[in-house]
Amino acid sequence: MKLEEYEIPYFGMWSDLRKKFLQEEKPEDLAELASENMLVEYLSGIEDKYSDRFEELVERQMEREGVDEELKIKNPLEWVGRVNNIRSQVREILTEEICS
């Protein structure tokens, strides 16, 4: 079976980023994973790992910056803005990791 014919399920954002990176930058690695029937397990593992890391890093950064329940109650709009900013920063960091 050719790699083009291999159906790759969608697991989530992180695994999709890794799959696209492999397709564009390392197609031989992607083909090897597919030929060894390891691609689904590999991408599933990527999704699990980076979903967990994302949540951990967001929580840590929120603690460092004092983005807590008290702020959420006092100033909900500021809380939302700061949480969105933290999530965006963490997404950038992890995207760089996945695509290298």
N, C-alpha and C. Protein backbone atom coordinates (compact mmCIF):
# COMPACT_ATOMS: atom_id res chain seq x y z
N MET A 1 0.84 -1.18 0.00
CA MET A 1 0.00 0.00 0.00
C MET A 1 0.89 1.25 0.00
N LYS A 2 0.60 2.16 -0.92
CA LYS A 2 1.33 3.42 -0.98
C LYS A 2 0.88 4.33 0.15
N LEU A 3 1.77 5.22 0.57
CA LEU A 3 1.45 6.14 1.65
C LEU A 3 0.22 6.97 1.31
N GLU A 4 0.06 7.35 0.06
CA GLU A 4 -1.09 8.16 -0.36
C GLU A 4 -2.40 7.41 -0.14
N GLU A 5 -2.35 6.08 -0.18
CA GLU A 5 -3.55 5.28 -0.02
C GLU A 5 -3.83 4.96 1.45
N TYR A 6 -2.87 5.23 2.30
CA TYR A 6 -2.99 4.90 3.72
C TYR A 6 -3.90 5.92 4.39
N GLU A 7 -4.97 5.47 4.99
CA GLU A 7 -5.89 6.38 5.66
C GLU A 7 -5.37 6.71 7.06
N ILE A 8 -5.13 7.97 7.29
CA ILE A 8 -4.59 8.42 8.57
C ILE A 8 -5.73 9.09 9.34
N PRO A 9 -6.12 8.49 10.45
CA PRO A 9 -7.22 9.10 11.22
C PRO A 9 -6.81 10.42 11.85
N TYR A 10 -7.79 11.23 12.16
CA TYR A 10 -7.54 12.50 12.82
C TYR A 10 -7.69 12.29 14.32
N PHE A 11 -6.65 12.63 15.08
CA PHE A 11 -6.68 12.50 16.53
C PHE A 11 -6.87 13.85 17.21
N GLY A 12 -6.35 14.90 16.61
CA GLY A 12 -6.44 16.22 17.20
C GLY A 12 -5.40 17.15 16.61
N MET A 13 -5.36 18.34 17.16
CA MET A 13 -4.49 19.40 16.64
C MET A 13 -3.01 19.02 16.65
N TRP A 14 -2.54 18.46 17.76
CA TRP A 14 -1.11 18.18 17.90
C TRP A 14 -0.65 17.09 16.95
N SER A 15 -1.40 16.03 16.85
CA SER A 15 -1.02 14.95 15.94
C SER A 15 -1.13 15.40 14.49
N ASP A 16 -2.10 16.26 14.22
CA ASP A 16 -2.25 16.77 12.85
C ASP A 16 -1.06 17.64 12.47
N LEU A 17 -0.59 18.47 13.40
CA LEU A 17 0.60 19.28 13.13
C LEU A 17 1.81 18.41 12.85
N ARG A 18 1.99 17.35 13.65
CA ARG A 18 3.13 16.45 13.45
C ARG A 18 3.02 15.72 12.12
N LYS A 19 1.82 15.27 11.79
CA LYS A 19 1.61 14.57 10.52
C LYS A 19 1.95 15.48 9.34
N LYS A 20 1.47 16.72 9.39
CA LYS A 20 1.76 17.67 8.30
C LYS A 20 3.26 17.95 8.20
N PHE A 21 3.92 18.09 9.37
CA PHE A 21 5.36 18.30 9.37
C PHE A 21 6.07 17.11 8.71
N LEU A 22 5.70 15.91 9.09
CA LEU A 22 6.32 14.73 8.50
C LEU A 22 6.05 14.65 7.00
N GLN A 23 4.83 14.96 6.59
CA GLN A 23 4.49 14.92 5.17
C GLN A 23 5.35 15.89 4.38
N GLU A 24 5.57 17.08 4.91
CA GLU A 24 6.30 18.11 4.19
C GLU A 24 7.82 18.00 4.33
N GLU A 25 8.29 17.65 5.53
CA GLU A 25 9.72 17.70 5.80
C GLU A 25 10.40 16.34 5.88
N LYS A 26 9.68 15.31 6.25
CA LYS A 26 10.29 13.99 6.44
C LYS A 26 9.36 12.89 5.92
N PRO A 27 9.03 12.94 4.64
CA PRO A 27 8.09 11.94 4.11
C PRO A 27 8.60 10.50 4.24
N GLU A 28 9.92 10.33 4.25
CA GLU A 28 10.47 8.98 4.40
C GLU A 28 10.17 8.43 5.80
N ASP A 29 10.22 9.27 6.82
CA ASP A 29 9.88 8.83 8.18
C ASP A 29 8.40 8.47 8.27
N LEU A 30 7.58 9.27 7.65
CA LEU A 30 6.14 9.00 7.64
C LEU A 30 5.85 7.69 6.93
N ALA A 31 6.49 7.48 5.79
CA ALA A 31 6.29 6.24 5.04
C ALA A 31 6.75 5.03 5.84
N GLU A 32 7.86 5.17 6.55
CA GLU A 32 8.38 4.06 7.36
C GLU A 32 7.41 3.72 8.50
N LEU A 33 6.90 4.74 9.17
CA LEU A 33 5.92 4.49 10.23
C LEU A 33 4.68 3.80 9.69
N ALA A 34 4.23 4.24 8.52
CA ALA A 34 3.05 3.64 7.91
C ALA A 34 3.32 2.20 7.49
N SER A 35 4.47 1.95 6.90
CA SER A 35 4.77 0.60 6.42
C SER A 35 4.94 -0.39 7.57
N GLU A 36 5.34 0.11 8.73
CA GLU A 36 5.51 -0.75 9.90
C GLU A 36 4.24 -0.79 10.77
N ASN A 37 3.15 -0.22 10.24
CA ASN A 37 1.87 -0.15 10.96
C ASN A 37 2.01 0.50 12.33
N MET A 38 2.86 1.50 12.42
CA MET A 38 3.11 2.20 13.68
C MET A 38 2.57 3.64 13.66
N LEU A 39 2.06 4.08 12.51
CA LEU A 39 1.68 5.48 12.36
C LEU A 39 0.53 5.88 13.28
N VAL A 40 -0.49 5.07 13.35
CA VAL A 40 -1.65 5.40 14.18
C VAL A 40 -1.23 5.48 15.65
N GLU A 41 -0.46 4.52 16.10
CA GLU A 41 0.01 4.52 17.48
C GLU A 41 0.90 5.73 17.75
N TYR A 42 1.77 6.04 16.80
CA TYR A 42 2.68 7.17 16.93
C TYR A 42 1.90 8.48 17.05
N LEU A 43 0.97 8.70 16.14
CA LEU A 43 0.20 9.96 16.15
C LEU A 43 -0.70 10.05 17.38
N SER A 44 -1.25 8.94 17.80
CA SER A 44 -2.06 8.92 19.01
C SER A 44 -1.21 9.31 20.22
N GLY A 45 0.01 8.79 20.28
CA GLY A 45 0.92 9.13 21.36
C GLY A 45 1.30 10.60 21.36
N ILE A 46 1.53 11.15 20.17
CA ILE A 46 1.84 12.58 20.04
C ILE A 46 0.67 13.41 20.58
N GLU A 47 -0.53 13.05 20.20
CA GLU A 47 -1.72 13.79 20.66
C GLU A 47 -1.84 13.74 22.18
N ASP A 48 -1.68 12.56 22.75
CA ASP A 48 -1.78 12.42 24.20
C ASP A 48 -0.71 13.23 24.92
N LYS A 49 0.52 13.08 24.45
CA LYS A 49 1.65 13.76 25.09
C LYS A 49 1.49 15.28 25.06
N TYR A 50 1.18 15.82 23.89
CA TYR A 50 1.14 17.27 23.76
C TYR A 50 -0.15 17.88 24.32
N SER A 51 -1.23 17.13 24.35
CA SER A 51 -2.45 17.62 25.02
C SER A 51 -2.18 17.78 26.51
N ASP A 52 -1.53 16.78 27.09
CA ASP A 52 -1.19 16.85 28.51
C ASP A 52 -0.19 17.98 28.78
N ARG A 53 0.83 18.08 27.94
CA ARG A 53 1.85 19.13 28.13
C ARG A 53 1.23 20.52 28.01
N PHE A 54 0.32 20.67 27.06
CA PHE A 54 -0.34 21.96 26.87
C PHE A 54 -1.04 22.38 28.16
N GLU A 55 -1.84 21.48 28.71
CA GLU A 55 -2.58 21.80 29.94
C GLU A 55 -1.63 22.11 31.09
N GLU A 56 -0.58 21.31 31.23
CA GLU A 56 0.40 21.52 32.31
C GLU A 56 1.08 22.88 32.19
N LEU A 57 1.54 23.20 30.97
CA LEU A 57 2.25 24.47 30.78
C LEU A 57 1.33 25.67 30.97
N VAL A 58 0.09 25.56 30.53
CA VAL A 58 -0.87 26.65 30.72
C VAL A 58 -1.10 26.87 32.21
N GLU A 59 -1.32 25.78 32.95
CA GLU A 59 -1.56 25.90 34.39
C GLU A 59 -0.36 26.53 35.10
N ARG A 60 0.85 26.07 34.76
CA ARG A 60 2.05 26.63 35.39
C ARG A 60 2.20 28.11 35.12
N GLN A 61 1.98 28.49 33.86
CA GLN A 61 2.13 29.90 33.48
C GLN A 61 1.06 30.77 34.16
N MET A 62 -0.14 30.23 34.27
CA MET A 62 -1.20 30.97 34.97
C MET A 62 -0.81 31.21 36.42
N GLU A 63 -0.25 30.20 37.07
CA GLU A 63 0.20 30.36 38.45
C GLU A 63 1.29 31.42 38.55
N ARG A 64 2.27 31.34 37.64
CA ARG A 64 3.37 32.32 37.66
C ARG A 64 2.88 33.75 37.49
N GLU A 65 1.88 33.92 36.64
CA GLU A 65 1.40 35.27 36.33
C GLU A 65 0.25 35.72 37.23
N GLY A 66 -0.15 34.87 38.17
CA GLY A 66 -1.23 35.25 39.09
C GLY A 66 -2.60 35.29 38.44
N VAL A 67 -2.79 34.51 37.42
CA VAL A 67 -4.10 34.42 36.76
C VAL A 67 -4.87 33.32 37.47
N ASP A 68 -5.70 33.76 38.44
CA ASP A 68 -6.37 32.80 39.31
C ASP A 68 -7.87 33.08 39.42
N GLU A 69 -8.52 32.32 40.28
CA GLU A 69 -9.98 32.48 40.46
C GLU A 69 -10.33 33.86 41.00
N GLU A 70 -9.47 34.40 41.84
CA GLU A 70 -9.73 35.74 42.38
C GLU A 70 -9.79 36.78 41.25
N LEU A 71 -8.84 36.71 40.32
CA LEU A 71 -8.85 37.62 39.18
C LEU A 71 -10.08 37.37 38.32
N LYS A 72 -10.43 36.11 38.16
CA LYS A 72 -11.59 35.74 37.35
C LYS A 72 -12.87 36.38 37.90
N ILE A 73 -12.98 36.43 39.22
CA ILE A 73 -14.16 37.02 39.86
C ILE A 73 -14.10 38.55 39.80
N LYS A 74 -12.93 39.12 40.07
CA LYS A 74 -12.78 40.58 40.11
C LYS A 74 -12.87 41.21 38.73
N ASN A 75 -12.20 40.58 37.76
CA ASN A 75 -12.13 41.18 36.43
C ASN A 75 -12.16 40.07 35.36
N PRO A 76 -13.35 39.57 35.05
CA PRO A 76 -13.47 38.45 34.11
C PRO A 76 -12.87 38.73 32.73
N LEU A 77 -13.02 39.94 32.24
CA LEU A 77 -12.48 40.24 30.91
C LEU A 77 -10.96 40.20 30.89
N GLU A 78 -10.33 40.72 31.93
CA GLU A 78 -8.87 40.65 32.01
C GLU A 78 -8.43 39.19 32.12
N TRP A 79 -9.15 38.42 32.95
CA TRP A 79 -8.81 37.00 33.13
C TRP A 79 -8.86 36.27 31.79
N VAL A 80 -9.93 36.46 31.03
CA VAL A 80 -10.07 35.80 29.73
C VAL A 80 -8.94 36.22 28.79
N GLY A 81 -8.65 37.50 28.74
CA GLY A 81 -7.58 37.98 27.87
C GLY A 81 -6.23 37.39 28.23
N ARG A 82 -5.94 37.35 29.51
CA ARG A 82 -4.65 36.81 29.95
C ARG A 82 -4.56 35.31 29.72
N VAL A 83 -5.66 34.59 29.97
CA VAL A 83 -5.66 33.14 29.72
C VAL A 83 -5.47 32.88 28.22
N ASN A 84 -6.16 33.63 27.39
CA ASN A 84 -6.01 33.45 25.94
C ASN A 84 -4.58 33.74 25.49
N ASN A 85 -3.97 34.75 26.07
CA ASN A 85 -2.59 35.09 25.73
C ASN A 85 -1.64 33.96 26.15
N ILE A 86 -1.83 33.43 27.34
CA ILE A 86 -0.99 32.32 27.82
C ILE A 86 -1.17 31.11 26.92
N ARG A 87 -2.42 30.78 26.60
CA ARG A 87 -2.68 29.61 25.74
C ARG A 87 -2.02 29.78 24.37
N SER A 88 -2.07 30.98 23.85
CA SER A 88 -1.44 31.26 22.56
C SER A 88 0.07 31.09 22.62
N GLN A 89 0.69 31.59 23.69
CA GLN A 89 2.14 31.45 23.86
C GLN A 89 2.55 29.99 23.97
N VAL A 90 1.80 29.22 24.76
CA VAL A 90 2.11 27.80 24.94
C VAL A 90 1.91 27.05 23.62
N ARG A 91 0.87 27.40 22.89
CA ARG A 91 0.62 26.77 21.58
C ARG A 91 1.79 27.00 20.64
N GLU A 92 2.34 28.22 20.65
CA GLU A 92 3.51 28.52 19.81
C GLU A 92 4.71 27.69 20.20
N ILE A 93 4.97 27.58 21.48
CA ILE A 93 6.12 26.81 21.97
C ILE A 93 5.99 25.34 21.55
N LEU A 94 4.82 24.76 21.77
CA LEU A 94 4.63 23.36 21.46
C LEU A 94 4.61 23.10 19.95
N THR A 95 4.08 24.03 19.20
CA THR A 95 4.09 23.89 17.75
C THR A 95 5.52 23.86 17.23
N GLU A 96 6.35 24.71 17.78
CA GLU A 96 7.77 24.71 17.39
C GLU A 96 8.44 23.39 17.72
N GLU A 97 8.13 22.84 18.89
CA GLU A 97 8.68 21.53 19.28
C GLU A 97 8.24 20.43 18.31
N ILE A 98 6.97 20.41 18.01
CA ILE A 98 6.41 19.35 17.17
C ILE A 98 6.96 19.43 15.75
N CYS A 99 7.22 20.62 15.30
CA CYS A 99 7.65 20.82 13.90
C CYS A 99 9.18 20.98 13.82
N SER A 100 9.89 20.21 14.59
CA SER A 100 11.35 20.27 14.50
C SER A 100 11.92 18.87 14.56
